[in-house]
């Protein structure tokens, strides 16, 4: 994911958690906060040690989520900051299942602007 699309700072994550709305399914929780005047969507990914003890498993989930979001960045609403939190069931998912599950939760949260 390109740098302009990343949500990195702790205060930005906290702002999204505090003021944003959340939608969840079995594998992911998505928090979204509308920021007027923002020109591109920003996405952050969080995978807790409670979800996967091994760093290699946490990093795999993060890589899969970032890749899926990278492909959809053009269809996501540009004025939003989004935080994706993985749940325990996400660790064993294949790329296709991650894509399906994220599509479901992002569609449910009304974050797609066109055609998805």
PDB file of N, CA and C in Angstrom:
ATOM      1  N   UNK A   1       0.846  -1.177   0.000  1.00  0.00           N
ATOM      2  CA  UNK A   1       0.000   0.000   0.000  1.00  0.00           C
ATOM      3  C   UNK A   1       0.895   1.246   0.000  1.00  0.00           C
ATOM      4  N   UNK A   2       0.565   2.213  -0.831  1.00  0.00           N
ATOM      5  CA  UNK A   2       1.369   3.420  -0.919  1.00  0.00           C
ATOM      6  C   UNK A   2       1.236   4.247   0.358  1.00  0.00           C
ATOM      7  N   UNK A   3       2.231   5.066   0.608  1.00  0.00           N
ATOM      8  CA  UNK A   3       2.321   5.818   1.841  1.00  0.00           C
ATOM      9  C   UNK A   3       1.117   6.743   2.070  1.00  0.00           C
ATOM     10  N   UNK A   4       0.593   7.341   1.024  1.00  0.00           N
ATOM     11  CA  UNK A   4      -0.528   8.270   1.179  1.00  0.00           C
ATOM     12  C   UNK A   4      -1.792   7.574   1.655  1.00  0.00           C
ATOM     13  N   UNK A   5      -1.866   6.254   1.509  1.00  0.00           N
ATOM     14  CA  UNK A   5      -3.047   5.501   1.905  1.00  0.00           C
ATOM     15  C   UNK A   5      -2.905   4.844   3.279  1.00  0.00           C
ATOM     16  N   UNK A   6      -1.810   5.084   3.970  1.00  0.00           N
ATOM     17  CA  UNK A   6      -1.570   4.438   5.254  1.00  0.00           C
ATOM     18  C   UNK A   6      -1.988   5.304   6.426  1.00  0.00           C
ATOM     19  N   UNK A   7      -2.545   4.655   7.409  1.00  0.00           N
ATOM     20  CA  UNK A   7      -2.850   5.284   8.693  1.00  0.00           C
ATOM     21  C   UNK A   7      -1.822   4.727   9.662  1.00  0.00           C
ATOM     22  N   UNK A   8      -0.941   5.579  10.206  1.00  0.00           N
ATOM     23  CA  UNK A   8       0.197   5.063  10.949  1.00  0.00           C
ATOM     24  C   UNK A   8       0.282   5.560  12.391  1.00  0.00           C
ATOM     25  N   UNK A   9      -0.120   6.784  12.631  1.00  0.00           N
ATOM     26  CA  UNK A   9       0.115   7.382  13.945  1.00  0.00           C
ATOM     27  C   UNK A   9      -0.900   6.917  14.980  1.00  0.00           C
ATOM     28  N   UNK A  10      -0.409   6.754  16.186  1.00  0.00           N
ATOM     29  CA  UNK A  10      -1.238   6.287  17.292  1.00  0.00           C
ATOM     30  C   UNK A  10      -2.443   7.193  17.521  1.00  0.00           C
ATOM     31  N   UNK A  11      -2.239   8.492  17.448  1.00  0.00           N
ATOM     32  CA  UNK A  11      -3.353   9.427  17.693  1.00  0.00           C
ATOM     33  C   UNK A  11      -4.428   9.313  16.612  1.00  0.00           C
ATOM     34  N   UNK A  12      -4.021   9.001  15.374  1.00  0.00           N
ATOM     35  CA  UNK A  12      -4.997   8.801  14.303  1.00  0.00           C
ATOM     36  C   UNK A  12      -5.829   7.538  14.553  1.00  0.00           C
ATOM     37  N   UNK A  13      -5.160   6.463  14.974  1.00  0.00           N
ATOM     38  CA  UNK A  13      -5.876   5.240  15.324  1.00  0.00           C
ATOM     39  C   UNK A  13      -6.863   5.513  16.467  1.00  0.00           C
ATOM     40  N   UNK A  14      -6.405   6.202  17.496  1.00  0.00           N
ATOM     41  CA  UNK A  14      -7.263   6.484  18.643  1.00  0.00           C
ATOM     42  C   UNK A  14      -8.460   7.343  18.266  1.00  0.00           C
ATOM     43  N   UNK A  15      -8.259   8.303  17.381  1.00  0.00           N
ATOM     44  CA  UNK A  15      -9.356   9.162  16.930  1.00  0.00           C
ATOM     45  C   UNK A  15     -10.417   8.331  16.191  1.00  0.00           C
ATOM     46  N   UNK A  16      -9.967   7.406  15.360  1.00  0.00           N
ATOM     47  CA  UNK A  16     -10.903   6.550  14.630  1.00  0.00           C
ATOM     48  C   UNK A  16     -11.663   5.656  15.602  1.00  0.00           C
ATOM     49  N   UNK A  17     -10.973   5.089  16.592  1.00  0.00           N
ATOM     50  CA  UNK A  17     -11.643   4.239  17.584  1.00  0.00           C
ATOM     51  C   UNK A  17     -12.668   5.033  18.400  1.00  0.00           C
ATOM     52  N   UNK A  18     -12.303   6.246  18.776  1.00  0.00           N
ATOM     53  CA  UNK A  18     -13.163   7.039  19.669  1.00  0.00           C
ATOM     54  C   UNK A  18     -14.384   7.615  18.949  1.00  0.00           C
ATOM     55  N   UNK A  19     -14.197   8.140  17.750  1.00  0.00           N
ATOM     56  CA  UNK A  19     -15.276   8.860  17.072  1.00  0.00           C
ATOM     57  C   UNK A  19     -15.883   8.116  15.879  1.00  0.00           C
ATOM     58  N   UNK A  20     -15.224   7.058  15.427  1.00  0.00           N
ATOM     59  CA  UNK A  20     -15.704   6.340  14.249  1.00  0.00           C
ATOM     60  C   UNK A  20     -16.792   5.333  14.581  1.00  0.00           C
ATOM     61  N   UNK A  21     -17.418   4.818  13.523  1.00  0.00           N
ATOM     62  CA  UNK A  21     -18.429   3.781  13.709  1.00  0.00           C
ATOM     63  C   UNK A  21     -17.798   2.440  13.346  1.00  0.00           C
ATOM     64  N   UNK A  22     -18.321   1.384  13.938  1.00  0.00           N
ATOM     65  CA  UNK A  22     -17.719   0.080  13.699  1.00  0.00           C
ATOM     66  C   UNK A  22     -18.731  -0.897  13.118  1.00  0.00           C
ATOM     67  N   UNK A  23     -18.210  -1.803  12.315  1.00  0.00           N
ATOM     68  CA  UNK A  23     -18.984  -2.888  11.727  1.00  0.00           C
ATOM     69  C   UNK A  23     -18.093  -4.121  11.804  1.00  0.00           C
ATOM     70  N   UNK A  24     -18.698  -5.269  12.090  1.00  0.00           N
ATOM     71  CA  UNK A  24     -17.882  -6.471  12.271  1.00  0.00           C
ATOM     72  C   UNK A  24     -18.520  -7.680  11.614  1.00  0.00           C
ATOM     73  N   UNK A  25     -17.675  -8.650  11.335  1.00  0.00           N
ATOM     74  CA  UNK A  25     -18.129  -9.979  10.979  1.00  0.00           C
ATOM     75  C   UNK A  25     -17.253 -10.960  11.758  1.00  0.00           C
ATOM     76  N   UNK A  26     -17.262 -12.204  11.376  1.00  0.00           N
ATOM     77  CA  UNK A  26     -16.552 -13.218  12.146  1.00  0.00           C
ATOM     78  C   UNK A  26     -15.031 -13.034  12.123  1.00  0.00           C
ATOM     79  N   UNK A  27     -14.495 -12.472  11.062  1.00  0.00           N
ATOM     80  CA  UNK A  27     -13.052 -12.392  10.888  1.00  0.00           C
ATOM     81  C   UNK A  27     -12.443 -11.016  11.133  1.00  0.00           C
ATOM     82  N   UNK A  28     -13.214  -9.950  10.892  1.00  0.00           N
ATOM     83  CA  UNK A  28     -12.659  -8.602  10.985  1.00  0.00           C
ATOM     84  C   UNK A  28     -13.636  -7.631  11.632  1.00  0.00           C
ATOM     85  N   UNK A  29     -13.065  -6.599  12.254  1.00  0.00           N
ATOM     86  CA  UNK A  29     -13.831  -5.451  12.733  1.00  0.00           C
ATOM     87  C   UNK A  29     -13.282  -4.251  11.967  1.00  0.00           C
ATOM     88  N   UNK A  30     -14.168  -3.432  11.425  1.00  0.00           N
ATOM     89  CA  UNK A  30     -13.753  -2.246  10.676  1.00  0.00           C
ATOM     90  C   UNK A  30     -14.322  -1.017  11.370  1.00  0.00           C
ATOM     91  N   UNK A  31     -13.436  -0.096  11.729  1.00  0.00           N
ATOM     92  CA  UNK A  31     -13.823   1.208  12.258  1.00  0.00           C
ATOM     93  C   UNK A  31     -13.612   2.221  11.144  1.00  0.00           C
ATOM     94  N   UNK A  32     -14.560   3.125  10.953  1.00  0.00           N
ATOM     95  CA  UNK A  32     -14.440   4.138   9.907  1.00  0.00           C
ATOM     96  C   UNK A  32     -14.845   5.499  10.446  1.00  0.00           C
ATOM     97  N   UNK A  33     -14.053   6.496  10.122  1.00  0.00           N
ATOM     98  CA  UNK A  33     -14.311   7.868  10.549  1.00  0.00           C
ATOM     99  C   UNK A  33     -14.231   8.779   9.339  1.00  0.00           C
ATOM    100  N   UNK A  34     -15.289   9.548   9.102  1.00  0.00           N
ATOM    101  CA  UNK A  34     -15.320  10.471   7.971  1.00  0.00           C
ATOM    102  C   UNK A  34     -14.539  11.726   8.324  1.00  0.00           C
ATOM    103  N   UNK A  35     -13.648  12.124   7.401  1.00  0.00           N
ATOM    104  CA  UNK A  35     -12.830  13.328   7.587  1.00  0.00           C
ATOM    105  C   UNK A  35     -13.075  14.232   6.393  1.00  0.00           C
ATOM    106  N   UNK A  36     -13.835  15.297   6.576  1.00  0.00           N
ATOM    107  CA  UNK A  36     -14.149  16.211   5.474  1.00  0.00           C
ATOM    108  C   UNK A  36     -12.884  16.885   4.960  1.00  0.00           C
ATOM    109  N   UNK A  37     -12.794  17.008   3.657  1.00  0.00           N
ATOM    110  CA  UNK A  37     -11.656  17.662   3.042  1.00  0.00           C
ATOM    111  C   UNK A  37     -10.494  16.737   2.733  1.00  0.00           C
ATOM    112  N   UNK A  38     -10.563  15.495   3.153  1.00  0.00           N
ATOM    113  CA  UNK A  38      -9.496  14.538   2.890  1.00  0.00           C
ATOM    114  C   UNK A  38      -9.626  14.034   1.456  1.00  0.00           C
ATOM    115  N   UNK A  39      -8.512  13.931   0.737  1.00  0.00           N
ATOM    116  CA  UNK A  39      -8.574  13.579  -0.681  1.00  0.00           C
ATOM    117  C   UNK A  39      -8.377  12.100  -0.969  1.00  0.00           C
ATOM    118  N   UNK A  40      -7.858  11.335  -0.006  1.00  0.00           N
ATOM    119  CA  UNK A  40      -7.683   9.903  -0.249  1.00  0.00           C
ATOM    120  C   UNK A  40      -7.967   9.127   1.036  1.00  0.00           C
ATOM    121  N   UNK A  41      -8.450   7.912   0.855  1.00  0.00           N
ATOM    122  CA  UNK A  41      -8.735   7.041   1.982  1.00  0.00           C
ATOM    123  C   UNK A  41      -7.413   6.666   2.665  1.00  0.00           C
ATOM    124  N   UNK A  42      -7.435   6.537   3.989  1.00  0.00           N
ATOM    125  CA  UNK A  42      -6.267   6.074   4.738  1.00  0.00           C
ATOM    126  C   UNK A  42      -6.686   4.839   5.528  1.00  0.00           C
ATOM    127  N   UNK A  43      -5.851   3.798   5.486  1.00  0.00           N
ATOM    128  CA  UNK A  43      -6.201   2.528   6.112  1.00  0.00           C
ATOM    129  C   UNK A  43      -5.088   2.092   7.053  1.00  0.00           C
ATOM    130  N   UNK A  44      -5.484   1.635   8.243  1.00  0.00           N
ATOM    131  CA  UNK A  44      -4.560   1.049   9.201  1.00  0.00           C
ATOM    132  C   UNK A  44      -5.014  -0.366   9.519  1.00  0.00           C
ATOM    133  N   UNK A  45      -4.053  -1.235   9.830  1.00  0.00           N
ATOM    134  CA  UNK A  45      -4.360  -2.630  10.126  1.00  0.00           C
ATOM    135  C   UNK A  45      -3.778  -2.976  11.480  1.00  0.00           C
ATOM    136  N   UNK A  46      -4.566  -3.694  12.291  1.00  0.00           N
ATOM    137  CA  UNK A  46      -4.121  -4.100  13.613  1.00  0.00           C
ATOM    138  C   UNK A  46      -4.402  -5.589  13.814  1.00  0.00           C
ATOM    139  N   UNK A  47      -3.364  -6.306  14.259  1.00  0.00           N
ATOM    140  CA  UNK A  47      -3.510  -7.719  14.599  1.00  0.00           C
ATOM    141  C   UNK A  47      -2.850  -7.916  15.955  1.00  0.00           C
ATOM    142  N   UNK A  48      -3.634  -8.234  16.946  1.00  0.00           N
ATOM    143  CA  UNK A  48      -3.164  -8.350  18.324  1.00  0.00           C
ATOM    144  C   UNK A  48      -2.436  -9.659  18.577  1.00  0.00           C
ATOM    145  N   UNK A  49      -1.637  -9.687  19.629  1.00  0.00           N
ATOM    146  CA  UNK A  49      -0.988 -10.928  20.054  1.00  0.00           C
ATOM    147  C   UNK A  49      -2.014 -11.935  20.553  1.00  0.00           C
ATOM    148  N   UNK A  50      -3.172 -11.465  20.962  1.00  0.00           N
ATOM    149  CA  UNK A  50      -4.236 -12.381  21.369  1.00  0.00           C
ATOM    150  C   UNK A  50      -4.751 -13.179  20.173  1.00  0.00           C
ATOM    151  N   UNK A  51      -4.678 -12.591  18.996  1.00  0.00           N
ATOM    152  CA  UNK A  51      -5.149 -13.238  17.776  1.00  0.00           C
ATOM    153  C   UNK A  51      -4.172 -14.329  17.345  1.00  0.00           C
ATOM    154  N   UNK A  52      -2.884 -13.999  17.327  1.00  0.00           N
ATOM    155  CA  UNK A  52      -1.853 -14.955  16.916  1.00  0.00           C
ATOM    156  C   UNK A  52      -0.602 -14.705  17.754  1.00  0.00           C
ATOM    157  N   UNK A  53      -0.145 -15.721  18.420  1.00  0.00           N
ATOM    158  CA  UNK A  53       1.033 -15.584  19.288  1.00  0.00           C
ATOM    159  C   UNK A  53       2.305 -15.324  18.485  1.00  0.00           C
ATOM    160  N   UNK A  54       2.422 -15.972  17.329  1.00  0.00           N
ATOM    161  CA  UNK A  54       3.650 -15.852  16.560  1.00  0.00           C
ATOM    162  C   UNK A  54       3.603 -14.631  15.638  1.00  0.00           C
ATOM    163  N   UNK A  55       4.697 -13.890  15.614  1.00  0.00           N
ATOM    164  CA  UNK A  55       4.779 -12.685  14.788  1.00  0.00           C
ATOM    165  C   UNK A  55       4.596 -13.004  13.309  1.00  0.00           C
ATOM    166  N   UNK A  56       5.082 -14.150  12.889  1.00  0.00           N
ATOM    167  CA  UNK A  56       4.963 -14.520  11.481  1.00  0.00           C
ATOM    168  C   UNK A  56       3.490 -14.650  11.077  1.00  0.00           C
ATOM    169  N   UNK A  57       2.655 -15.144  11.972  1.00  0.00           N
ATOM    170  CA  UNK A  57       1.220 -15.269  11.683  1.00  0.00           C
ATOM    171  C   UNK A  57       0.540 -13.900  11.653  1.00  0.00           C
ATOM    172  N   UNK A  58       0.893 -13.037  12.604  1.00  0.00           N
ATOM    173  CA  UNK A  58       0.317 -11.688  12.628  1.00  0.00           C
ATOM    174  C   UNK A  58       0.707 -10.915  11.372  1.00  0.00           C
ATOM    175  N   UNK A  59       1.957 -11.016  10.980  1.00  0.00           N
ATOM    176  CA  UNK A  59       2.424 -10.295   9.797  1.00  0.00           C
ATOM    177  C   UNK A  59       1.790 -10.830   8.518  1.00  0.00           C
ATOM    178  N   UNK A  60       1.535 -12.127   8.445  1.00  0.00           N
ATOM    179  CA  UNK A  60       0.875 -12.706   7.276  1.00  0.00           C
ATOM    180  C   UNK A  60      -0.528 -12.136   7.117  1.00  0.00           C
ATOM    181  N   UNK A  61      -1.260 -12.059   8.227  1.00  0.00           N
ATOM    182  CA  UNK A  61      -2.614 -11.501   8.182  1.00  0.00           C
ATOM    183  C   UNK A  61      -2.555 -10.038   7.739  1.00  0.00           C
ATOM    184  N   UNK A  62      -1.618  -9.275   8.281  1.00  0.00           N
ATOM    185  CA  UNK A  62      -1.491  -7.869   7.894  1.00  0.00           C
ATOM    186  C   UNK A  62      -1.162  -7.715   6.412  1.00  0.00           C
ATOM    187  N   UNK A  63      -0.261  -8.554   5.897  1.00  0.00           N
ATOM    188  CA  UNK A  63       0.094  -8.484   4.479  1.00  0.00           C
ATOM    189  C   UNK A  63      -1.095  -8.795   3.586  1.00  0.00           C
ATOM    190  N   UNK A  64      -1.861  -9.816   3.953  1.00  0.00           N
ATOM    191  CA  UNK A  64      -3.033 -10.173   3.153  1.00  0.00           C
ATOM    192  C   UNK A  64      -4.063  -9.042   3.140  1.00  0.00           C
ATOM    193  N   UNK A  65      -4.331  -8.474   4.312  1.00  0.00           N
ATOM    194  CA  UNK A  65      -5.314  -7.387   4.406  1.00  0.00           C
ATOM    195  C   UNK A  65      -4.846  -6.179   3.598  1.00  0.00           C
ATOM    196  N   UNK A  66      -3.585  -5.817   3.727  1.00  0.00           N
ATOM    197  CA  UNK A  66      -3.066  -4.657   2.994  1.00  0.00           C
ATOM    198  C   UNK A  66      -3.132  -4.867   1.487  1.00  0.00           C
ATOM    199  N   UNK A  67      -2.849  -6.078   1.032  1.00  0.00           N
ATOM    200  CA  UNK A  67      -2.898  -6.362  -0.403  1.00  0.00           C
ATOM    201  C   UNK A  67      -4.325  -6.255  -0.937  1.00  0.00           C
ATOM    202  N   UNK A  68      -5.275  -6.787  -0.193  1.00  0.00           N
ATOM    203  CA  UNK A  68      -6.680  -6.705  -0.613  1.00  0.00           C
ATOM    204  C   UNK A  68      -7.111  -5.241  -0.666  1.00  0.00           C
ATOM    205  N   UNK A  69      -6.796  -4.489   0.356  1.00  0.00           N
ATOM    206  CA  UNK A  69      -7.187  -3.075   0.403  1.00  0.00           C
ATOM    207  C   UNK A  69      -6.483  -2.283  -0.699  1.00  0.00           C
ATOM    208  N   UNK A  70      -5.237  -2.613  -0.981  1.00  0.00           N
ATOM    209  CA  UNK A  70      -4.492  -1.916  -2.035  1.00  0.00           C
ATOM    210  C   UNK A  70      -5.209  -2.041  -3.382  1.00  0.00           C
ATOM    211  N   UNK A  71      -5.774  -3.189  -3.652  1.00  0.00           N
ATOM    212  CA  UNK A  71      -6.480  -3.383  -4.912  1.00  0.00           C
ATOM    213  C   UNK A  71      -7.798  -2.629  -4.961  1.00  0.00           C
ATOM    214  N   UNK A  72      -8.378  -2.359  -3.816  1.00  0.00           N
ATOM    215  CA  UNK A  72      -9.681  -1.690  -3.755  1.00  0.00           C
ATOM    216  C   UNK A  72      -9.593  -0.193  -3.470  1.00  0.00           C
ATOM    217  N   UNK A  73      -8.417   0.346  -3.312  1.00  0.00           N
ATOM    218  CA  UNK A  73      -8.278   1.726  -2.861  1.00  0.00           C
ATOM    219  C   UNK A  73      -9.018   2.709  -3.774  1.00  0.00           C
ATOM    220  N   UNK A  74      -9.132   2.404  -5.046  1.00  0.00           N
ATOM    221  CA  UNK A  74      -9.861   3.269  -5.972  1.00  0.00           C
ATOM    222  C   UNK A  74     -11.365   3.244  -5.783  1.00  0.00           C
ATOM    223  N   UNK A  75     -11.887   2.166  -5.203  1.00  0.00           N
ATOM    224  CA  UNK A  75     -13.332   2.048  -5.006  1.00  0.00           C
ATOM    225  C   UNK A  75     -13.788   2.461  -3.601  1.00  0.00           C
ATOM    226  N   UNK A  76     -12.843   2.718  -2.695  1.00  0.00           N
ATOM    227  CA  UNK A  76     -13.216   3.102  -1.330  1.00  0.00           C
ATOM    228  C   UNK A  76     -13.455   4.605  -1.247  1.00  0.00           C
ATOM    229  N   UNK A  77     -14.374   4.997  -0.379  1.00  0.00           N
ATOM    230  CA  UNK A  77     -14.713   6.407  -0.197  1.00  0.00           C
ATOM    231  C   UNK A  77     -13.476   7.186   0.250  1.00  0.00           C
ATOM    232  N   UNK A  78     -13.086   8.232  -0.476  1.00  0.00           N
ATOM    233  CA  UNK A  78     -11.822   8.913  -0.209  1.00  0.00           C
ATOM    234  C   UNK A  78     -11.786   9.727   1.073  1.00  0.00           C
ATOM    235  N   UNK A  79     -12.909  10.060   1.636  1.00  0.00           N
ATOM    236  CA  UNK A  79     -12.905  10.940   2.806  1.00  0.00           C
ATOM    237  C   UNK A  79     -12.888  10.186   4.133  1.00  0.00           C
ATOM    238  N   UNK A  80     -12.520   8.912   4.119  1.00  0.00           N
ATOM    239  CA  UNK A  80     -12.564   8.110   5.339  1.00  0.00           C
ATOM    240  C   UNK A  80     -11.185   7.671   5.811  1.00  0.00           C
ATOM    241  N   UNK A  81     -11.036   7.601   7.136  1.00  0.00           N
ATOM    242  CA  UNK A  81      -9.940   6.890   7.783  1.00  0.00           C
ATOM    243  C   UNK A  81     -10.525   5.570   8.247  1.00  0.00           C
ATOM    244  N   UNK A  82      -9.857   4.469   7.926  1.00  0.00           N
ATOM    245  CA  UNK A  82     -10.374   3.131   8.216  1.00  0.00           C
ATOM    246  C   UNK A  82      -9.333   2.356   9.011  1.00  0.00           C
ATOM    247  N   UNK A  83      -9.779   1.666  10.053  1.00  0.00           N
ATOM    248  CA  UNK A  83      -8.918   0.754  10.797  1.00  0.00           C
ATOM    249  C   UNK A  83      -9.534  -0.633  10.709  1.00  0.00           C
ATOM    250  N   UNK A  84      -8.736  -1.602  10.259  1.00  0.00           N
ATOM    251  CA  UNK A  84      -9.170  -2.993  10.157  1.00  0.00           C
ATOM    252  C   UNK A  84      -8.499  -3.767  11.280  1.00  0.00           C
ATOM    253  N   UNK A  85      -9.305  -4.421  12.109  1.00  0.00           N
ATOM    254  CA  UNK A  85      -8.789  -5.238  13.205  1.00  0.00           C
ATOM    255  C   UNK A  85      -9.118  -6.690  12.899  1.00  0.00           C
ATOM    256  N   UNK A  86      -8.102  -7.526  12.923  1.00  0.00           N
ATOM    257  CA  UNK A  86      -8.302  -8.949  12.647  1.00  0.00           C
ATOM    258  C   UNK A  86      -8.735  -9.656  13.931  1.00  0.00           C
ATOM    259  N   UNK A  87      -9.647 -10.597  13.775  1.00  0.00           N
ATOM    260  CA  UNK A  87     -10.059 -11.461  14.876  1.00  0.00           C
ATOM    261  C   UNK A  87      -9.341 -12.804  14.737  1.00  0.00           C
ATOM    262  N   UNK A  88      -9.442 -13.633  15.753  1.00  0.00           N
ATOM    263  CA  UNK A  88      -8.728 -14.903  15.786  1.00  0.00           C
ATOM    264  C   UNK A  88      -8.984 -15.810  14.606  1.00  0.00           C
ATOM    265  N   UNK A  89     -10.186 -15.817  14.087  1.00  0.00           N
ATOM    266  CA  UNK A  89     -10.529 -16.694  12.968  1.00  0.00           C
ATOM    267  C   UNK A  89      -9.829 -16.287  11.672  1.00  0.00           C
ATOM    268  N   UNK A  90      -9.271 -15.095  11.604  1.00  0.00           N
ATOM    269  CA  UNK A  90      -8.633 -14.607  10.378  1.00  0.00           C
ATOM    270  C   UNK A  90      -7.265 -15.228  10.134  1.00  0.00           C
ATOM    271  N   UNK A  91      -6.662 -15.814  11.146  1.00  0.00           N
ATOM    272  CA  UNK A  91      -5.299 -16.332  11.021  1.00  0.00           C
ATOM    273  C   UNK A  91      -5.197 -17.459   9.999  1.00  0.00           C
ATOM    274  N   UNK A  92      -6.174 -18.305   9.920  1.00  0.00           N
ATOM    275  CA  UNK A  92      -6.107 -19.481   9.045  1.00  0.00           C
ATOM    276  C   UNK A  92      -6.721 -19.266   7.660  1.00  0.00           C
ATOM    277  N   UNK A  93      -7.097 -18.047   7.328  1.00  0.00           N
ATOM    278  CA  UNK A  93      -7.775 -17.790   6.059  1.00  0.00           C
ATOM    279  C   UNK A  93      -6.801 -17.727   4.889  1.00  0.00           C
ATOM    280  N   UNK A  94      -7.271 -18.159   3.733  1.00  0.00           N
ATOM    281  CA  UNK A  94      -6.516 -18.004   2.492  1.00  0.00           C
ATOM    282  C   UNK A  94      -6.758 -16.588   1.965  1.00  0.00           C
ATOM    283  N   UNK A  95      -6.017 -16.230   0.917  1.00  0.00           N
ATOM    284  CA  UNK A  95      -6.188 -14.904   0.323  1.00  0.00           C
ATOM    285  C   UNK A  95      -7.621 -14.683  -0.149  1.00  0.00           C
ATOM    286  N   UNK A  96      -8.193 -15.676  -0.807  1.00  0.00           N
ATOM    287  CA  UNK A  96      -9.557 -15.545  -1.318  1.00  0.00           C
ATOM    288  C   UNK A  96     -10.584 -15.336  -0.220  1.00  0.00           C
ATOM    289  N   UNK A  97     -10.421 -16.049   0.876  1.00  0.00           N
ATOM    290  CA  UNK A  97     -11.357 -15.903   2.004  1.00  0.00           C
ATOM    291  C   UNK A  97     -11.181 -14.547   2.698  1.00  0.00           C
ATOM    292  N   UNK A  98      -9.941 -14.064   2.794  1.00  0.00           N
ATOM    293  CA  UNK A  98      -9.707 -12.732   3.358  1.00  0.00           C
ATOM    294  C   UNK A  98     -10.402 -11.692   2.495  1.00  0.00           C
ATOM    295  N   UNK A  99     -10.282 -11.853   1.181  1.00  0.00           N
ATOM    296  CA  UNK A  99     -10.914 -10.931   0.248  1.00  0.00           C
ATOM    297  C   UNK A  99     -12.439 -10.942   0.405  1.00  0.00           C
ATOM    298  N   UNK A 100     -13.029 -12.131   0.485  1.00  0.00           N
ATOM    299  CA  UNK A 100     -14.485 -12.242   0.660  1.00  0.00           C
ATOM    300  C   UNK A 100     -14.941 -11.616   1.967  1.00  0.00           C
ATOM    301  N   UNK A 101     -14.240 -11.927   3.041  1.00  0.00           N
ATOM    302  CA  UNK A 101     -14.638 -11.443   4.355  1.00  0.00           C
ATOM    303  C   UNK A 101     -14.501  -9.924   4.463  1.00  0.00           C
ATOM    304  N   UNK A 102     -13.390  -9.386   3.948  1.00  0.00           N
ATOM    305  CA  UNK A 102     -13.209  -7.930   3.964  1.00  0.00           C
ATOM    306  C   UNK A 102     -14.235  -7.237   3.073  1.00  0.00           C
ATOM    307  N   UNK A 103     -14.516  -7.826   1.924  1.00  0.00           N
ATOM    308  CA  UNK A 103     -15.529  -7.247   1.042  1.00  0.00           C
ATOM    309  C   UNK A 103     -16.868  -7.167   1.773  1.00  0.00           C
ATOM    310  N   UNK A 104     -17.213  -8.233   2.455  1.00  0.00           N
ATOM    311  CA  UNK A 104     -18.483  -8.274   3.195  1.00  0.00           C
ATOM    312  C   UNK A 104     -18.554  -7.165   4.246  1.00  0.00           C
ATOM    313  N   UNK A 105     -17.516  -7.031   5.045  1.00  0.00           N
ATOM    314  CA  UNK A 105     -17.558  -6.056   6.135  1.00  0.00           C
ATOM    315  C   UNK A 105     -17.443  -4.618   5.620  1.00  0.00           C
ATOM    316  N   UNK A 106     -16.672  -4.392   4.559  1.00  0.00           N
ATOM    317  CA  UNK A 106     -16.575  -3.034   4.012  1.00  0.00           C
ATOM    318  C   UNK A 106     -17.864  -2.635   3.301  1.00  0.00           C
ATOM    319  N   UNK A 107     -18.492  -3.579   2.632  1.00  0.00           N
ATOM    320  CA  UNK A 107     -19.776  -3.300   1.981  1.00  0.00           C
ATOM    321  C   UNK A 107     -20.849  -3.009   3.034  1.00  0.00           C
ATOM    322  N   UNK A 108     -20.820  -3.774   4.111  1.00  0.00           N
ATOM    323  CA  UNK A 108     -21.765  -3.594   5.210  1.00  0.00           C
ATOM    324  C   UNK A 108     -21.599  -2.210   5.857  1.00  0.00           C
ATOM    325  N   UNK A 109     -20.370  -1.702   5.873  1.00  0.00           N
ATOM    326  CA  UNK A 109     -20.113  -0.392   6.472  1.00  0.00           C
ATOM    327  C   UNK A 109     -20.256   0.751   5.466  1.00  0.00           C
ATOM    328  N   UNK A 110     -20.687   0.433   4.229  1.00  0.00           N
ATOM    329  CA  UNK A 110     -20.978   1.431   3.190  1.00  0.00           C
ATOM    330  C   UNK A 110     -19.736   2.252   2.805  1.00  0.00           C
ATOM    331  N   UNK A 111     -18.590   1.615   2.700  1.00  0.00           N
ATOM    332  CA  UNK A 111     -17.363   2.317   2.376  1.00  0.00           C
ATOM    333  C   UNK A 111     -16.983   2.244   0.903  1.00  0.00           C
ATOM    334  N   UNK A 112     -17.686   1.452   0.112  1.00  0.00           N
ATOM    335  CA  UNK A 112     -17.421   1.407  -1.319  1.00  0.00           C
ATOM    336  C   UNK A 112     -18.186   2.538  -2.001  1.00  0.00           C
ATOM    337  N   UNK A 113     -17.509   3.220  -2.934  1.00  0.00           N
ATOM    338  CA  UNK A 113     -18.165   4.321  -3.642  1.00  0.00           C
ATOM    339  C   UNK A 113     -18.723   3.884  -4.978  1.00  0.00           C
ATOM    340  N   UNK A 114     -18.037   2.942  -5.648  1.00  0.00           N
ATOM    341  CA  UNK A 114     -18.482   2.509  -6.978  1.00  0.00           C
ATOM    342  C   UNK A 114     -18.432   0.999  -7.091  1.00  0.00           C
ATOM    343  N   UNK A 115     -19.439   0.479  -7.745  1.00  0.00           N
ATOM    344  CA  UNK A 115     -19.501  -0.841  -8.288  1.00  0.00           C
ATOM    345  C   UNK A 115     -19.114  -2.066  -7.503  1.00  0.00           C
ATOM    346  N   UNK A 116     -18.632  -2.042  -6.313  1.00  0.00           N
ATOM    347  CA  UNK A 116     -18.190  -3.253  -5.615  1.00  0.00           C
ATOM    348  C   UNK A 116     -19.305  -3.854  -4.809  1.00  0.00           C
TER     349      UNK A 116
END
